[in-house]
Amino acid sequence: MRFSRAVFLILLLCAFTTQPLDEKKSQELLPHSNHPFWQTLKKCKIEYNDKKGVFTRHFTKEVQDLNGKEVTINGFMLPLEDSRKQKVFYLSRKTPTCPFCMPGGPTEVVYVKAKTPIEFSYDPLTLTGTFRLVDDEEKGVFFQLEGAAVNK
């Protein structure tokens, strides 16, 4: 099942604009990944341009240098398919709390293309794959992990 750009943008904006403050505070009490890779991504500056309706990104040199390299990252699965096993999904630093809202900003979500379908789990996953920078200003998706596999 594929999301249209409009639907995804609505979901992504939900994390920035409509999540109540008390819900955000509650979410911070839930488990989240402290994997160092998230700290690397967080250094990137990503802004939303209301006039144009797009995100703009400014990657750090450190993140640019990772493009095309194998990386390992830990986070929570946000499934995009109606299936127990997921080949394409999002990995988030924070625990998902709402099926309609992203649990974090653009530097806290990575689009994943798995080598083989990965069993859905509520527990954090540690994945290794090829890191790619993506320039999708409409969706606000800037990071991708290709050929990802679960570390055992």
N, C-alpha and C. Protein backbone atom coordinates (compact mmCIF):
# COMPACT_ATOMS: atom_id res chain seq x y z
N MET A 1 0.84 -1.17 0.00
CA MET A 1 0.00 0.00 0.00
C MET A 1 0.89 1.24 0.00
N ARG A 2 0.68 2.16 -0.92
CA ARG A 2 1.50 3.37 -1.02
C ARG A 2 0.71 4.57 -0.55
N PHE A 3 1.38 5.44 0.16
CA PHE A 3 0.76 6.69 0.59
C PHE A 3 0.96 7.73 -0.49
N SER A 4 -0.06 8.54 -0.72
CA SER A 4 0.12 9.65 -1.64
C SER A 4 0.94 10.72 -0.95
N ARG A 5 1.51 11.62 -1.71
CA ARG A 5 2.31 12.70 -1.12
C ARG A 5 1.48 13.55 -0.18
N ALA A 6 0.26 13.83 -0.57
CA ALA A 6 -0.60 14.68 0.27
C ALA A 6 -0.87 14.02 1.61
N VAL A 7 -1.18 12.72 1.61
CA VAL A 7 -1.47 12.02 2.85
C VAL A 7 -0.22 11.99 3.73
N PHE A 8 0.93 11.70 3.14
CA PHE A 8 2.15 11.66 3.94
C PHE A 8 2.47 13.02 4.53
N LEU A 9 2.30 14.09 3.73
CA LEU A 9 2.58 15.43 4.23
C LEU A 9 1.68 15.76 5.41
N ILE A 10 0.44 15.38 5.34
CA ILE A 10 -0.48 15.60 6.45
C ILE A 10 0.00 14.86 7.68
N LEU A 11 0.42 13.60 7.51
CA LEU A 11 0.93 12.82 8.64
C LEU A 11 2.18 13.46 9.23
N LEU A 12 3.08 13.90 8.38
CA LEU A 12 4.32 14.48 8.86
C LEU A 12 4.06 15.81 9.56
N LEU A 13 3.22 16.63 8.99
CA LEU A 13 2.91 17.92 9.62
C LEU A 13 2.22 17.74 10.96
N CYS A 14 1.52 16.64 11.11
CA CYS A 14 0.85 16.34 12.38
C CYS A 14 1.85 16.36 13.53
N ALA A 15 3.05 15.89 13.28
CA ALA A 15 4.07 15.86 14.33
C ALA A 15 4.51 17.26 14.72
N PHE A 16 4.38 18.22 13.80
CA PHE A 16 4.82 19.58 14.09
C PHE A 16 3.70 20.49 14.57
N THR A 17 2.48 20.27 14.11
CA THR A 17 1.47 21.28 14.30
C THR A 17 0.29 20.89 15.18
N THR A 18 -0.12 19.64 15.19
CA THR A 18 -1.36 19.33 15.88
C THR A 18 -1.22 18.41 17.08
N GLN A 19 -0.05 17.91 17.32
CA GLN A 19 0.11 17.04 18.48
C GLN A 19 0.04 17.91 19.74
N PRO A 20 -0.93 17.67 20.62
CA PRO A 20 -1.06 18.48 21.82
C PRO A 20 0.21 18.45 22.66
N LEU A 21 0.49 19.56 23.32
CA LEU A 21 1.70 19.68 24.13
C LEU A 21 1.78 18.59 25.19
N ASP A 22 0.64 18.29 25.84
CA ASP A 22 0.67 17.25 26.87
C ASP A 22 0.98 15.88 26.28
N GLU A 23 0.54 15.64 25.04
CA GLU A 23 0.85 14.37 24.37
C GLU A 23 2.34 14.29 24.06
N LYS A 24 2.92 15.41 23.62
CA LYS A 24 4.36 15.42 23.35
C LYS A 24 5.15 15.16 24.62
N LYS A 25 4.73 15.76 25.71
CA LYS A 25 5.41 15.54 27.00
C LYS A 25 5.29 14.08 27.42
N SER A 26 4.09 13.51 27.24
CA SER A 26 3.89 12.10 27.58
C SER A 26 4.76 11.19 26.72
N GLN A 27 4.87 11.55 25.44
CA GLN A 27 5.66 10.74 24.52
C GLN A 27 7.13 10.72 24.94
N GLU A 28 7.62 11.82 25.48
CA GLU A 28 9.02 11.88 25.91
C GLU A 28 9.29 10.92 27.07
N LEU A 29 8.24 10.51 27.78
CA LEU A 29 8.41 9.57 28.88
C LEU A 29 8.49 8.12 28.39
N LEU A 30 8.07 7.90 27.14
CA LEU A 30 8.10 6.55 26.55
C LEU A 30 9.52 6.23 26.09
N PRO A 31 9.79 4.96 25.85
CA PRO A 31 11.12 4.59 25.35
C PRO A 31 11.43 5.29 24.03
N HIS A 32 12.68 5.65 23.86
CA HIS A 32 13.16 6.18 22.60
C HIS A 32 14.61 5.73 22.42
N SER A 33 15.04 5.73 21.19
CA SER A 33 16.38 5.26 20.88
C SER A 33 17.41 6.33 21.19
N ASN A 34 18.44 5.94 21.92
CA ASN A 34 19.56 6.84 22.18
C ASN A 34 20.76 6.50 21.29
N HIS A 35 20.50 5.76 20.21
CA HIS A 35 21.57 5.38 19.30
C HIS A 35 22.27 6.64 18.79
N PRO A 36 23.60 6.67 18.77
CA PRO A 36 24.33 7.87 18.39
C PRO A 36 24.03 8.38 16.97
N PHE A 37 23.55 7.51 16.09
CA PHE A 37 23.27 7.95 14.72
C PHE A 37 22.19 9.03 14.70
N TRP A 38 21.22 8.93 15.61
CA TRP A 38 20.17 9.95 15.67
C TRP A 38 20.76 11.31 16.04
N GLN A 39 21.75 11.33 16.89
CA GLN A 39 22.39 12.60 17.26
C GLN A 39 23.11 13.21 16.06
N THR A 40 23.66 12.36 15.21
CA THR A 40 24.32 12.83 13.99
C THR A 40 23.29 13.49 13.07
N LEU A 41 22.14 12.84 12.87
CA LEU A 41 21.10 13.40 12.00
C LEU A 41 20.51 14.68 12.57
N LYS A 42 20.40 14.73 13.88
CA LYS A 42 19.78 15.89 14.55
C LYS A 42 20.54 17.19 14.29
N LYS A 43 21.81 17.09 13.95
CA LYS A 43 22.62 18.28 13.69
C LYS A 43 22.24 18.97 12.38
N CYS A 44 21.51 18.26 11.51
CA CYS A 44 21.06 18.85 10.24
C CYS A 44 19.93 19.85 10.53
N LYS A 45 19.89 20.89 9.73
CA LYS A 45 18.86 21.91 9.92
C LYS A 45 17.78 21.71 8.86
N ILE A 46 16.56 21.45 9.32
CA ILE A 46 15.45 21.25 8.41
C ILE A 46 14.32 22.18 8.83
N GLU A 47 13.81 22.94 7.87
CA GLU A 47 12.76 23.92 8.14
C GLU A 47 11.60 23.71 7.19
N TYR A 48 10.43 24.18 7.60
CA TYR A 48 9.25 24.11 6.74
C TYR A 48 8.93 25.51 6.22
N ASN A 49 8.80 25.63 4.90
CA ASN A 49 8.47 26.89 4.25
C ASN A 49 6.96 26.93 4.01
N ASP A 50 6.25 27.70 4.83
CA ASP A 50 4.79 27.79 4.72
C ASP A 50 4.34 28.32 3.37
N LYS A 51 5.07 29.29 2.81
CA LYS A 51 4.68 29.89 1.54
C LYS A 51 4.71 28.88 0.40
N LYS A 52 5.79 28.11 0.34
CA LYS A 52 5.97 27.14 -0.74
C LYS A 52 5.35 25.78 -0.42
N GLY A 53 5.10 25.53 0.86
CA GLY A 53 4.55 24.23 1.25
C GLY A 53 5.54 23.09 1.17
N VAL A 54 6.82 23.41 1.38
CA VAL A 54 7.87 22.39 1.29
C VAL A 54 8.85 22.55 2.45
N PHE A 55 9.60 21.49 2.68
CA PHE A 55 10.68 21.51 3.66
C PHE A 55 11.97 21.89 2.95
N THR A 56 12.85 22.55 3.64
CA THR A 56 14.20 22.81 3.12
C THR A 56 15.18 22.16 4.08
N ARG A 57 16.29 21.69 3.54
CA ARG A 57 17.26 20.98 4.38
C ARG A 57 18.65 21.52 4.17
N HIS A 58 19.42 21.44 5.23
CA HIS A 58 20.84 21.82 5.21
C HIS A 58 21.58 20.70 5.94
N PHE A 59 22.20 19.80 5.15
CA PHE A 59 22.93 18.68 5.72
C PHE A 59 24.29 19.13 6.23
N THR A 60 24.70 18.58 7.36
CA THR A 60 26.05 18.83 7.85
C THR A 60 27.04 18.05 6.98
N LYS A 61 28.30 18.46 7.01
CA LYS A 61 29.33 17.73 6.25
C LYS A 61 29.42 16.29 6.74
N GLU A 62 29.29 16.11 8.05
CA GLU A 62 29.35 14.77 8.64
C GLU A 62 28.29 13.85 8.02
N VAL A 63 27.07 14.36 7.87
CA VAL A 63 25.98 13.57 7.28
C VAL A 63 26.21 13.39 5.79
N GLN A 64 26.67 14.42 5.10
CA GLN A 64 26.96 14.29 3.66
C GLN A 64 28.00 13.21 3.41
N ASP A 65 28.99 13.13 4.29
CA ASP A 65 30.05 12.13 4.13
C ASP A 65 29.55 10.69 4.34
N LEU A 66 28.41 10.53 4.99
CA LEU A 66 27.84 9.19 5.22
C LEU A 66 27.04 8.68 4.02
N ASN A 67 26.71 9.57 3.09
CA ASN A 67 25.90 9.19 1.93
C ASN A 67 26.58 8.07 1.15
N GLY A 68 25.86 6.96 0.97
CA GLY A 68 26.39 5.81 0.23
C GLY A 68 27.20 4.84 1.08
N LYS A 69 27.32 5.12 2.36
CA LYS A 69 28.10 4.24 3.25
C LYS A 69 27.17 3.35 4.09
N GLU A 70 27.74 2.23 4.53
CA GLU A 70 26.98 1.33 5.40
C GLU A 70 26.93 1.92 6.81
N VAL A 71 25.72 1.96 7.37
CA VAL A 71 25.53 2.48 8.73
C VAL A 71 24.64 1.53 9.51
N THR A 72 24.67 1.68 10.82
CA THR A 72 23.78 0.93 11.71
C THR A 72 22.99 1.94 12.51
N ILE A 73 21.69 1.67 12.67
CA ILE A 73 20.80 2.57 13.39
C ILE A 73 19.76 1.75 14.14
N ASN A 74 19.32 2.29 15.25
CA ASN A 74 18.34 1.61 16.10
C ASN A 74 17.12 2.51 16.24
N GLY A 75 15.93 1.92 16.16
CA GLY A 75 14.71 2.71 16.32
C GLY A 75 13.47 1.85 16.25
N PHE A 76 12.32 2.53 16.16
CA PHE A 76 11.02 1.88 16.18
C PHE A 76 10.40 1.86 14.78
N MET A 77 9.80 0.72 14.43
CA MET A 77 9.20 0.54 13.12
C MET A 77 7.84 1.23 13.04
N LEU A 78 7.65 1.97 11.95
CA LEU A 78 6.34 2.53 11.60
C LEU A 78 5.94 1.88 10.29
N PRO A 79 5.08 0.88 10.33
CA PRO A 79 4.75 0.13 9.11
C PRO A 79 3.98 0.97 8.10
N LEU A 80 4.19 0.68 6.83
CA LEU A 80 3.47 1.33 5.74
C LEU A 80 2.62 0.35 4.95
N GLU A 81 2.75 -0.93 5.28
CA GLU A 81 2.00 -1.96 4.57
C GLU A 81 1.10 -2.69 5.56
N ASP A 82 0.02 -3.21 5.04
CA ASP A 82 -0.92 -3.98 5.86
C ASP A 82 -0.47 -5.44 5.85
N SER A 83 0.64 -5.68 6.56
CA SER A 83 1.23 -7.00 6.55
C SER A 83 2.05 -7.18 7.82
N ARG A 84 2.20 -8.43 8.24
CA ARG A 84 3.01 -8.73 9.43
C ARG A 84 4.50 -8.48 9.16
N LYS A 85 4.90 -8.67 7.91
CA LYS A 85 6.29 -8.42 7.51
C LYS A 85 6.32 -7.19 6.62
N GLN A 86 7.32 -6.36 6.85
CA GLN A 86 7.44 -5.08 6.15
C GLN A 86 8.72 -5.02 5.32
N LYS A 87 8.57 -4.66 4.07
CA LYS A 87 9.74 -4.46 3.20
C LYS A 87 10.09 -2.97 3.12
N VAL A 88 9.07 -2.12 3.25
CA VAL A 88 9.24 -0.68 3.21
C VAL A 88 8.53 -0.10 4.43
N PHE A 89 9.25 0.71 5.21
CA PHE A 89 8.67 1.29 6.43
C PHE A 89 9.51 2.48 6.88
N TYR A 90 9.07 3.14 7.91
CA TYR A 90 9.85 4.20 8.52
C TYR A 90 10.44 3.69 9.83
N LEU A 91 11.62 4.16 10.15
CA LEU A 91 12.25 3.87 11.43
C LEU A 91 12.33 5.20 12.16
N SER A 92 11.84 5.22 13.40
CA SER A 92 11.76 6.44 14.16
C SER A 92 12.57 6.35 15.44
N ARG A 93 13.11 7.48 15.86
CA ARG A 93 13.84 7.53 17.12
C ARG A 93 12.90 7.37 18.30
N LYS A 94 11.67 7.87 18.16
CA LYS A 94 10.71 7.85 19.26
C LYS A 94 9.67 6.75 19.08
N THR A 95 9.11 6.32 20.20
CA THR A 95 8.03 5.34 20.19
C THR A 95 6.81 5.94 19.50
N PRO A 96 6.24 5.28 18.50
CA PRO A 96 5.02 5.79 17.88
C PRO A 96 3.86 5.74 18.88
N THR A 97 3.05 6.80 18.91
CA THR A 97 1.91 6.84 19.83
C THR A 97 0.58 6.98 19.09
N CYS A 98 0.62 7.36 17.83
CA CYS A 98 -0.60 7.60 17.06
C CYS A 98 -0.37 7.11 15.63
N PRO A 99 -1.29 6.33 15.08
CA PRO A 99 -1.09 5.82 13.72
C PRO A 99 -1.20 6.90 12.65
N PHE A 100 -1.64 8.10 13.03
CA PHE A 100 -1.84 9.17 12.05
C PHE A 100 -0.80 10.26 12.13
N CYS A 101 0.08 10.21 13.13
CA CYS A 101 1.08 11.27 13.31
C CYS A 101 2.47 10.67 13.41
N MET A 102 3.42 11.35 12.77
CA MET A 102 4.81 10.93 12.91
C MET A 102 5.26 11.26 14.33
N PRO A 103 6.03 10.39 14.95
CA PRO A 103 6.44 10.61 16.34
C PRO A 103 7.61 11.57 16.52
N GLY A 104 8.06 12.17 15.45
CA GLY A 104 9.17 13.10 15.56
C GLY A 104 9.31 13.93 14.31
N GLY A 105 10.31 14.76 14.30
CA GLY A 105 10.57 15.60 13.14
C GLY A 105 11.37 14.88 12.07
N PRO A 106 11.67 15.57 10.97
CA PRO A 106 12.38 14.94 9.85
C PRO A 106 13.75 14.38 10.19
N THR A 107 14.41 14.89 11.23
CA THR A 107 15.71 14.33 11.60
C THR A 107 15.57 13.13 12.54
N GLU A 108 14.33 12.73 12.82
CA GLU A 108 14.09 11.60 13.72
C GLU A 108 13.38 10.45 13.02
N VAL A 109 13.37 10.50 11.67
CA VAL A 109 12.70 9.47 10.89
C VAL A 109 13.56 9.12 9.68
N VAL A 110 13.72 7.82 9.43
CA VAL A 110 14.46 7.33 8.27
C VAL A 110 13.55 6.40 7.48
N TYR A 111 13.49 6.60 6.17
CA TYR A 111 12.73 5.73 5.28
C TYR A 111 13.57 4.49 5.02
N VAL A 112 13.00 3.31 5.22
CA VAL A 112 13.75 2.06 5.12
C VAL A 112 13.23 1.20 3.97
N LYS A 113 14.17 0.70 3.17
CA LYS A 113 13.89 -0.31 2.15
C LYS A 113 14.69 -1.54 2.56
N ALA A 114 13.99 -2.54 3.06
CA ALA A 114 14.66 -3.74 3.58
C ALA A 114 15.10 -4.67 2.45
N LYS A 115 16.19 -5.38 2.70
CA LYS A 115 16.69 -6.38 1.75
C LYS A 115 15.64 -7.48 1.58
N THR A 116 15.12 -7.96 2.70
CA THR A 116 14.02 -8.93 2.72
C THR A 116 13.01 -8.44 3.75
N PRO A 117 11.74 -8.83 3.63
CA PRO A 117 10.73 -8.35 4.58
C PRO A 117 11.13 -8.64 6.04
N ILE A 118 10.85 -7.64 6.89
CA ILE A 118 11.20 -7.72 8.31
C ILE A 118 9.93 -7.82 9.13
N GLU A 119 9.92 -8.76 10.05
CA GLU A 119 8.77 -8.98 10.93
C GLU A 119 8.49 -7.73 11.76
N PHE A 120 7.22 -7.29 11.77
CA PHE A 120 6.84 -6.13 12.57
C PHE A 120 7.10 -6.39 14.04
N SER A 121 7.55 -5.35 14.74
CA SER A 121 7.81 -5.46 16.16
C SER A 121 7.54 -4.13 16.83
N TYR A 122 7.00 -4.19 18.05
CA TYR A 122 6.84 -2.98 18.85
C TYR A 122 8.14 -2.62 19.56
N ASP A 123 9.05 -3.56 19.61
CA ASP A 123 10.34 -3.35 20.24
C ASP A 123 11.29 -2.65 19.26
N PRO A 124 12.28 -1.94 19.77
CA PRO A 124 13.24 -1.30 18.87
C PRO A 124 14.00 -2.33 18.03
N LEU A 125 14.31 -1.93 16.80
CA LEU A 125 15.07 -2.76 15.88
C LEU A 125 16.42 -2.10 15.63
N THR A 126 17.45 -2.90 15.46
CA THR A 126 18.74 -2.38 15.04
C THR A 126 18.97 -2.88 13.62
N LEU A 127 19.13 -1.93 12.71
CA LEU A 127 19.26 -2.24 11.28
C LEU A 127 20.61 -1.76 10.75
N THR A 128 21.11 -2.48 9.76
CA THR A 128 22.29 -2.06 9.03
C THR A 128 21.94 -2.03 7.56
N GLY A 129 22.37 -0.98 6.88
CA GLY A 129 22.10 -0.83 5.45
C GLY A 129 22.90 0.32 4.89
N THR A 130 22.65 0.64 3.63
CA THR A 130 23.34 1.73 2.95
C THR A 130 22.55 3.02 3.16
N PHE A 131 23.20 4.01 3.73
CA PHE A 131 22.57 5.29 4.02
C PHE A 131 22.56 6.15 2.76
N ARG A 132 21.41 6.76 2.49
CA ARG A 132 21.27 7.65 1.34
C ARG A 132 20.61 8.95 1.77
N LEU A 133 21.08 10.03 1.20
CA LEU A 133 20.41 11.32 1.37
C LEU A 133 19.36 11.43 0.28
N VAL A 134 18.18 11.83 0.66
CA VAL A 134 17.06 11.94 -0.26
C VAL A 134 16.59 13.38 -0.21
N ASP A 135 16.23 13.94 -1.35
CA ASP A 135 15.78 15.33 -1.38
C ASP A 135 14.31 15.36 -1.78
N ASP A 136 13.44 15.04 -0.83
CA ASP A 136 12.01 15.07 -1.08
C ASP A 136 11.39 16.17 -0.22
N GLU A 137 11.47 17.39 -0.74
CA GLU A 137 11.01 18.56 0.01
C GLU A 137 9.52 18.51 0.33
N GLU A 138 8.73 17.89 -0.54
CA GLU A 138 7.28 17.84 -0.31
C GLU A 138 6.92 16.93 0.86
N LYS A 139 7.58 15.78 0.94
CA LYS A 139 7.29 14.82 2.01
C LYS A 139 8.05 15.14 3.29
N GLY A 140 9.14 15.86 3.17
CA GLY A 140 9.97 16.11 4.34
C GLY A 140 10.79 14.89 4.72
N VAL A 141 11.09 14.06 3.73
CA VAL A 141 11.90 12.86 3.96
C VAL A 141 13.27 13.10 3.33
N PHE A 142 14.31 13.00 4.15
CA PHE A 142 15.65 13.32 3.67
C PHE A 142 16.66 12.22 3.90
N PHE A 143 16.27 11.17 4.62
CA PHE A 143 17.20 10.09 4.94
C PHE A 143 16.58 8.74 4.59
N GLN A 144 17.40 7.87 4.01
CA GLN A 144 16.92 6.56 3.59
C GLN A 144 17.96 5.51 3.92
N LEU A 145 17.49 4.31 4.26
CA LEU A 145 18.37 3.18 4.50
C LEU A 145 17.98 2.09 3.51
N GLU A 146 18.87 1.78 2.57
CA GLU A 146 18.61 0.79 1.52
C GLU A 146 19.25 -0.54 1.85
N GLY A 147 18.59 -1.62 1.42
CA GLY A 147 19.14 -2.95 1.64
C GLY A 147 19.28 -3.28 3.12
N ALA A 148 18.39 -2.72 3.92
CA ALA A 148 18.49 -2.87 5.37
C ALA A 148 18.20 -4.30 5.82
N ALA A 149 18.91 -4.71 6.85
CA ALA A 149 18.72 -6.02 7.46
C ALA A 149 18.83 -5.85 8.97
N VAL A 150 18.11 -6.71 9.69
CA VAL A 150 18.13 -6.66 11.15
C VAL A 150 19.44 -7.25 11.66
N ASN A 151 20.06 -6.54 12.60
CA ASN A 151 21.25 -7.07 13.27
C ASN A 151 20.79 -8.09 14.30
N LYS A 152 21.47 -9.22 14.34
CA LYS A 152 21.08 -10.25 15.31
C LYS A 152 22.09 -10.36 16.40
